[in-house]
N, C-alpha and C. Protein backbone atom coordinates (compact mmCIF):
# COMPACT_ATOMS: atom_id res chain seq x y z
N MET A 1 0.87 -1.14 0.02
CA MET A 1 -0.02 0.10 -0.11
C MET A 1 0.88 1.44 0.03
N GLU A 2 0.73 2.21 -0.89
CA GLU A 2 1.26 3.23 -0.84
C GLU A 2 0.88 4.27 0.31
N MET A 3 1.89 5.04 0.83
CA MET A 3 1.32 5.96 1.71
C MET A 3 1.89 7.35 1.45
N ASP A 4 1.11 8.41 1.60
CA ASP A 4 1.44 9.70 1.31
C ASP A 4 2.17 10.24 2.39
N LEU A 5 3.09 11.42 2.19
CA LEU A 5 3.90 11.86 3.18
C LEU A 5 4.04 13.36 2.97
N ASN A 6 3.59 14.21 4.23
CA ASN A 6 3.59 15.81 4.19
C ASN A 6 4.47 16.25 5.14
N LEU A 7 5.81 16.10 4.66
CA LEU A 7 6.86 16.61 5.61
C LEU A 7 7.65 17.79 4.74
N ILE A 8 7.99 18.71 5.65
CA ILE A 8 8.75 19.63 4.94
C ILE A 8 9.75 20.15 6.10
N VAL A 9 11.19 20.43 5.56
CA VAL A 9 12.06 21.02 6.48
C VAL A 9 12.71 22.28 5.52
N LEU A 10 12.65 23.41 6.21
CA LEU A 10 13.19 24.65 5.49
C LEU A 10 14.33 25.05 6.66
N CYS A 11 15.04 25.82 5.77
CA CYS A 11 16.14 26.55 6.62
C CYS A 11 16.21 27.95 5.86
N GLY A 12 16.06 29.13 6.29
CA GLY A 12 15.97 30.28 5.75
C GLY A 12 16.19 31.37 6.88
N ARG A 13 15.88 32.71 6.41
CA ARG A 13 15.78 33.53 7.22
C ARG A 13 14.45 34.37 7.57
N ILE A 14 14.36 35.01 8.74
CA ILE A 14 13.02 35.52 8.92
C ILE A 14 13.00 36.75 8.43
N ALA A 15 11.85 37.25 7.52
CA ALA A 15 11.89 38.05 6.52
C ALA A 15 11.38 39.46 7.23
N THR A 16 10.36 39.22 8.36
CA THR A 16 9.68 40.20 8.97
C THR A 16 9.64 39.91 10.27
N GLU A 17 9.54 41.10 11.37
CA GLU A 17 9.20 40.71 12.75
C GLU A 17 8.28 39.63 12.95
N PRO A 18 8.22 38.52 13.66
CA PRO A 18 7.28 37.50 13.88
C PRO A 18 6.05 38.14 14.56
N GLU A 19 4.90 37.70 14.13
CA GLU A 19 3.58 38.04 14.76
C GLU A 19 3.07 37.20 15.82
N ILE A 20 2.89 37.60 16.81
CA ILE A 20 2.48 36.81 18.25
C ILE A 20 1.00 37.15 18.18
N ARG A 21 0.08 35.83 18.21
CA ARG A 21 -1.25 36.25 18.19
C ARG A 21 -1.84 35.25 19.68
N MET A 22 -2.54 36.06 20.40
CA MET A 22 -3.16 35.10 21.54
C MET A 22 -4.69 35.03 21.43
N PHE A 23 -5.42 34.22 21.59
CA PHE A 23 -6.76 34.05 21.56
C PHE A 23 -7.47 33.87 22.81
N GLU A 24 -8.78 34.31 22.82
CA GLU A 24 -9.49 34.17 24.00
C GLU A 24 -9.75 32.89 24.89
N SER A 25 -9.41 31.79 23.93
CA SER A 25 -9.40 30.47 24.40
C SER A 25 -8.00 30.09 25.13
N GLY A 26 -7.10 30.88 24.97
CA GLY A 26 -5.68 30.66 25.62
C GLY A 26 -4.79 30.18 24.57
N THR A 27 -5.23 29.63 23.28
CA THR A 27 -4.33 29.19 22.56
C THR A 27 -3.34 30.43 21.69
N ARG A 28 -2.36 30.00 21.38
CA ARG A 28 -1.32 31.22 20.79
C ARG A 28 -0.62 30.52 19.64
N LEU A 29 -0.26 31.41 18.67
CA LEU A 29 0.64 31.20 17.73
C LEU A 29 1.53 32.28 17.45
N ILE A 30 2.61 31.76 16.76
CA ILE A 30 3.54 32.77 16.20
C ILE A 30 3.50 32.59 14.56
N ARG A 31 3.62 33.66 14.00
CA ARG A 31 3.27 33.55 12.46
C ARG A 31 4.92 34.17 11.81
N TYR A 32 5.35 33.44 11.04
CA TYR A 32 6.81 33.98 10.52
C TYR A 32 6.58 34.16 8.80
N LEU A 33 7.32 35.13 8.50
CA LEU A 33 7.53 35.15 6.85
C LEU A 33 8.86 34.63 6.68
N VAL A 34 9.50 33.49 6.13
CA VAL A 34 10.67 33.04 5.80
C VAL A 34 11.24 33.07 4.47
N THR A 35 12.40 33.66 4.18
CA THR A 35 13.03 33.77 2.80
C THR A 35 13.94 32.65 2.64
N VAL A 36 13.58 31.90 1.70
CA VAL A 36 14.35 30.63 1.43
C VAL A 36 15.27 30.88 -0.03
N ARG A 37 16.50 31.00 0.23
CA ARG A 37 17.03 31.33 -1.11
C ARG A 37 17.76 29.88 -2.17
N SER A 38 17.43 30.14 -3.28
CA SER A 38 17.99 28.79 -4.08
C SER A 38 18.84 29.57 -5.00
N GLU A 39 19.73 28.55 -5.88
CA GLU A 39 20.63 28.88 -6.53
C GLU A 39 20.18 27.97 -7.94
N ALA A 40 19.81 26.87 -7.90
CA ALA A 40 19.48 25.68 -8.88
C ALA A 40 18.10 25.37 -8.94
N PRO A 41 17.25 25.46 -10.02
CA PRO A 41 17.96 25.51 -11.62
C PRO A 41 18.13 26.99 -11.63
N ARG A 42 17.61 27.94 -11.05
CA ARG A 42 18.00 29.55 -11.34
C ARG A 42 17.77 29.92 -10.05
N ARG A 43 18.64 31.08 -10.07
CA ARG A 43 18.83 31.89 -8.83
C ARG A 43 17.29 32.60 -8.45
N ARG A 44 16.80 32.23 -7.30
CA ARG A 44 15.43 32.99 -6.74
C ARG A 44 15.47 32.98 -5.17
N VAL A 45 14.27 33.78 -4.74
CA VAL A 45 14.21 33.97 -3.14
C VAL A 45 12.52 33.84 -3.24
N ASP A 46 12.30 32.55 -2.40
CA ASP A 46 10.97 32.28 -1.97
C ASP A 46 10.55 32.98 -0.51
N VAL A 47 9.42 33.35 -0.57
CA VAL A 47 8.84 33.99 0.71
C VAL A 47 7.78 32.91 1.37
N VAL A 48 8.33 32.24 2.18
CA VAL A 48 7.37 31.06 2.68
C VAL A 48 6.45 31.32 4.25
N PRO A 49 5.16 31.56 4.02
CA PRO A 49 4.56 32.01 5.55
C PRO A 49 4.48 30.58 6.23
N VAL A 50 4.83 30.72 7.74
CA VAL A 50 4.79 29.73 8.72
C VAL A 50 4.40 29.97 9.76
N THR A 51 3.30 29.01 10.23
CA THR A 51 2.84 29.16 11.47
C THR A 51 3.05 28.11 12.59
N LEU A 52 3.74 28.47 13.76
CA LEU A 52 3.73 27.53 14.63
C LEU A 52 2.57 27.87 15.99
N TRP A 53 1.83 26.69 16.22
CA TRP A 53 0.92 26.95 17.02
C TRP A 53 1.22 26.60 18.50
N ASP A 54 0.73 27.04 19.37
CA ASP A 54 0.97 26.70 20.87
C ASP A 54 2.56 26.77 21.23
N PRO A 55 2.96 27.77 20.51
CA PRO A 55 4.58 27.85 20.88
C PRO A 55 4.74 27.73 22.76
N SER A 56 6.00 27.42 22.97
CA SER A 56 6.58 27.36 24.40
C SER A 56 6.79 28.75 24.58
N ASP A 57 6.65 29.07 26.35
CA ASP A 57 6.87 30.25 26.65
C ASP A 57 8.05 30.92 26.20
N GLU A 58 9.13 30.06 26.06
CA GLU A 58 10.41 30.59 25.36
C GLU A 58 10.25 31.20 24.08
N GLU A 59 9.71 30.06 23.19
CA GLU A 59 9.40 30.81 21.73
C GLU A 59 8.72 32.04 21.68
N VAL A 60 7.62 32.37 22.69
CA VAL A 60 6.92 33.50 22.71
C VAL A 60 7.89 34.51 23.04
N ALA A 61 8.63 34.22 24.28
CA ALA A 61 9.42 35.45 24.88
C ALA A 61 10.87 35.70 23.64
N GLU A 62 11.29 34.74 23.05
CA GLU A 62 12.41 35.19 22.09
C GLU A 62 11.87 34.63 20.73
N PRO A 63 10.92 35.15 19.92
CA PRO A 63 10.73 34.49 18.41
C PRO A 63 11.56 34.44 17.62
N GLY A 64 12.70 35.35 17.98
CA GLY A 64 13.51 35.72 16.56
C GLY A 64 13.27 37.10 16.26
N GLU A 65 14.23 37.47 15.44
CA GLU A 65 14.02 38.80 15.01
C GLU A 65 14.37 38.69 13.35
N ARG A 66 14.12 39.89 12.76
CA ARG A 66 14.12 39.81 11.20
C ARG A 66 15.62 39.76 10.87
N GLY A 67 15.78 38.88 9.83
CA GLY A 67 17.20 38.62 9.51
C GLY A 67 18.04 37.16 10.16
N ARG A 68 17.27 36.82 11.24
CA ARG A 68 17.83 35.58 11.94
C ARG A 68 17.81 34.40 11.26
N ARG A 69 18.56 33.40 10.95
CA ARG A 69 18.25 32.18 10.56
C ARG A 69 17.45 31.40 11.46
N ILE A 70 16.51 30.37 10.66
CA ILE A 70 15.56 29.71 11.25
C ILE A 70 15.56 28.23 10.49
N TRP A 71 15.21 27.26 11.45
CA TRP A 71 15.03 25.91 10.75
C TRP A 71 13.74 25.51 11.25
N ILE A 72 12.99 24.94 10.45
CA ILE A 72 11.55 24.78 10.50
C ILE A 72 11.34 23.22 10.03
N CYS A 73 10.72 22.64 10.87
CA CYS A 73 10.11 21.06 10.69
C CYS A 73 8.79 21.12 10.61
N GLY A 74 8.13 20.87 9.46
CA GLY A 74 6.30 20.85 9.77
C GLY A 74 5.80 20.08 8.29
N SER A 75 4.85 20.61 8.12
CA SER A 75 3.83 20.15 7.15
C SER A 75 3.34 21.28 6.23
N VAL A 76 2.87 20.96 5.07
CA VAL A 76 2.04 22.01 4.13
C VAL A 76 0.57 21.80 4.57
N GLN A 77 0.07 22.97 4.39
CA GLN A 77 -1.46 23.20 4.52
C GLN A 77 -2.08 24.33 3.77
N ARG A 78 -3.01 24.12 3.24
CA ARG A 78 -3.83 24.88 2.16
C ARG A 78 -4.91 25.56 3.42
N ARG A 79 -5.01 26.93 3.50
CA ARG A 79 -5.92 27.30 4.58
C ARG A 79 -6.82 28.04 3.50
N PHE A 80 -8.33 27.87 3.77
CA PHE A 80 -9.29 28.99 3.00
C PHE A 80 -9.95 29.82 3.95
N TRP A 81 -10.59 31.00 3.31
CA TRP A 81 -11.15 31.89 3.92
C TRP A 81 -12.20 32.89 3.00
N GLU A 82 -12.98 33.38 3.46
CA GLU A 82 -13.88 34.15 2.54
C GLU A 82 -13.65 35.89 2.72
N SER A 83 -13.40 36.33 1.35
CA SER A 83 -13.31 37.80 1.47
C SER A 83 -14.30 38.42 0.91
N PRO A 84 -14.33 39.82 0.30
CA PRO A 84 -15.17 40.74 -0.52
C PRO A 84 -15.00 40.17 -1.87
N ASP A 85 -13.65 39.71 -2.12
CA ASP A 85 -13.28 39.13 -3.53
C ASP A 85 -13.77 37.73 -3.88
N GLY A 86 -14.40 37.11 -2.85
CA GLY A 86 -14.82 35.71 -2.91
C GLY A 86 -13.77 34.73 -2.01
N ARG A 87 -14.06 33.45 -2.52
CA ARG A 87 -13.22 32.41 -1.45
C ARG A 87 -11.76 32.42 -1.96
N ARG A 88 -11.06 32.66 -0.93
CA ARG A 88 -9.31 32.82 -1.19
C ARG A 88 -8.73 31.74 -0.47
N SER A 89 -7.51 31.31 -0.98
CA SER A 89 -6.54 30.30 -0.31
C SER A 89 -5.36 30.53 -0.26
N ARG A 90 -4.56 29.92 0.49
CA ARG A 90 -3.05 30.26 0.64
C ARG A 90 -2.34 28.86 1.10
N LEU A 91 -1.14 28.50 0.45
CA LEU A 91 -0.33 27.50 1.09
C LEU A 91 0.57 28.00 2.38
N GLU A 92 0.77 27.49 3.24
CA GLU A 92 1.42 27.87 4.37
C GLU A 92 1.97 26.60 5.25
N VAL A 93 3.17 26.78 5.89
CA VAL A 93 3.77 25.62 6.54
C VAL A 93 3.29 25.79 8.02
N ILE A 94 2.71 24.67 8.36
CA ILE A 94 2.41 24.53 9.82
C ILE A 94 3.66 23.72 10.56
N ALA A 95 4.34 24.65 11.31
CA ALA A 95 5.77 24.27 12.12
C ALA A 95 5.37 23.22 13.19
N GLU A 96 6.11 22.08 13.32
CA GLU A 96 6.11 21.12 14.52
C GLU A 96 7.00 21.74 15.48
N GLN A 97 8.44 21.82 14.77
CA GLN A 97 9.53 22.48 15.53
C GLN A 97 10.07 23.63 14.82
N ILE A 98 10.58 24.45 15.48
CA ILE A 98 11.58 25.53 15.00
C ILE A 98 12.86 25.64 15.73
N ASN A 99 13.98 25.94 15.05
CA ASN A 99 14.99 26.05 15.86
C ASN A 99 15.86 27.39 15.27
N LEU A 100 16.30 28.20 16.30
CA LEU A 100 16.89 29.48 15.89
C LEU A 100 18.45 29.45 16.21
N LYS A 101 18.98 28.48 16.48
CA LYS A 101 20.35 28.59 16.60
C LYS A 101 20.91 27.98 15.42
N GLU A 102 22.23 28.56 15.22
CA GLU A 102 22.98 28.31 14.11
C GLU A 102 23.63 27.23 13.97
N VAL A 103 23.84 26.56 13.08
CA VAL A 103 24.53 25.07 13.15
C VAL A 103 25.73 24.97 14.11
N GLU A 104 26.60 25.94 14.12
CA GLU A 104 27.65 25.82 14.97
C GLU A 104 27.11 25.77 16.49
N GLU A 105 26.01 26.13 16.80
CA GLU A 105 25.55 26.20 18.05
C GLU A 105 24.76 24.91 18.67
N LEU A 106 24.50 24.02 17.54
CA LEU A 106 23.79 22.76 17.92
C LEU A 106 24.55 21.96 18.56
N GLU A 107 24.00 21.23 19.43
CA GLU A 107 24.49 19.99 20.13
C GLU A 107 24.86 18.81 19.33
N PRO A 108 26.00 18.15 19.42
CA PRO A 108 26.10 17.07 18.62
C PRO A 108 25.39 15.71 18.87
N VAL A 109 25.09 15.27 18.12
CA VAL A 109 24.23 13.95 18.25
C VAL A 109 25.08 12.83 18.72
N SER A 110 24.83 12.15 19.61
CA SER A 110 25.58 11.09 19.90
C SER A 110 24.93 9.71 19.43
N ALA A 111 25.65 8.64 19.19
CA ALA A 111 25.08 7.35 18.50
C ALA A 111 24.73 6.58 19.54
């Protein structure tokens, strides 16, 4: 049986100051715009919207600043909403984990 997989790993830079939202229910989120540069097949910069639901207190206190490198692991989701122009949608990454540490700062993995 074939199985589908929705897994994305991004490494880029935070493009704008992160948006932190808190809802009456107590749920909160951090929304990022992340730039990801590619060289092949041609040079380009993609801007990817990323949402982290229920971030830790530490992530809310220090969500990262514009220009900071960010690693993201999550999945792609299409979000729909109604606007005066009709039904709209966009793709976004729903982050399961984020990491703001530079590669040099990461702890080595022991076998």
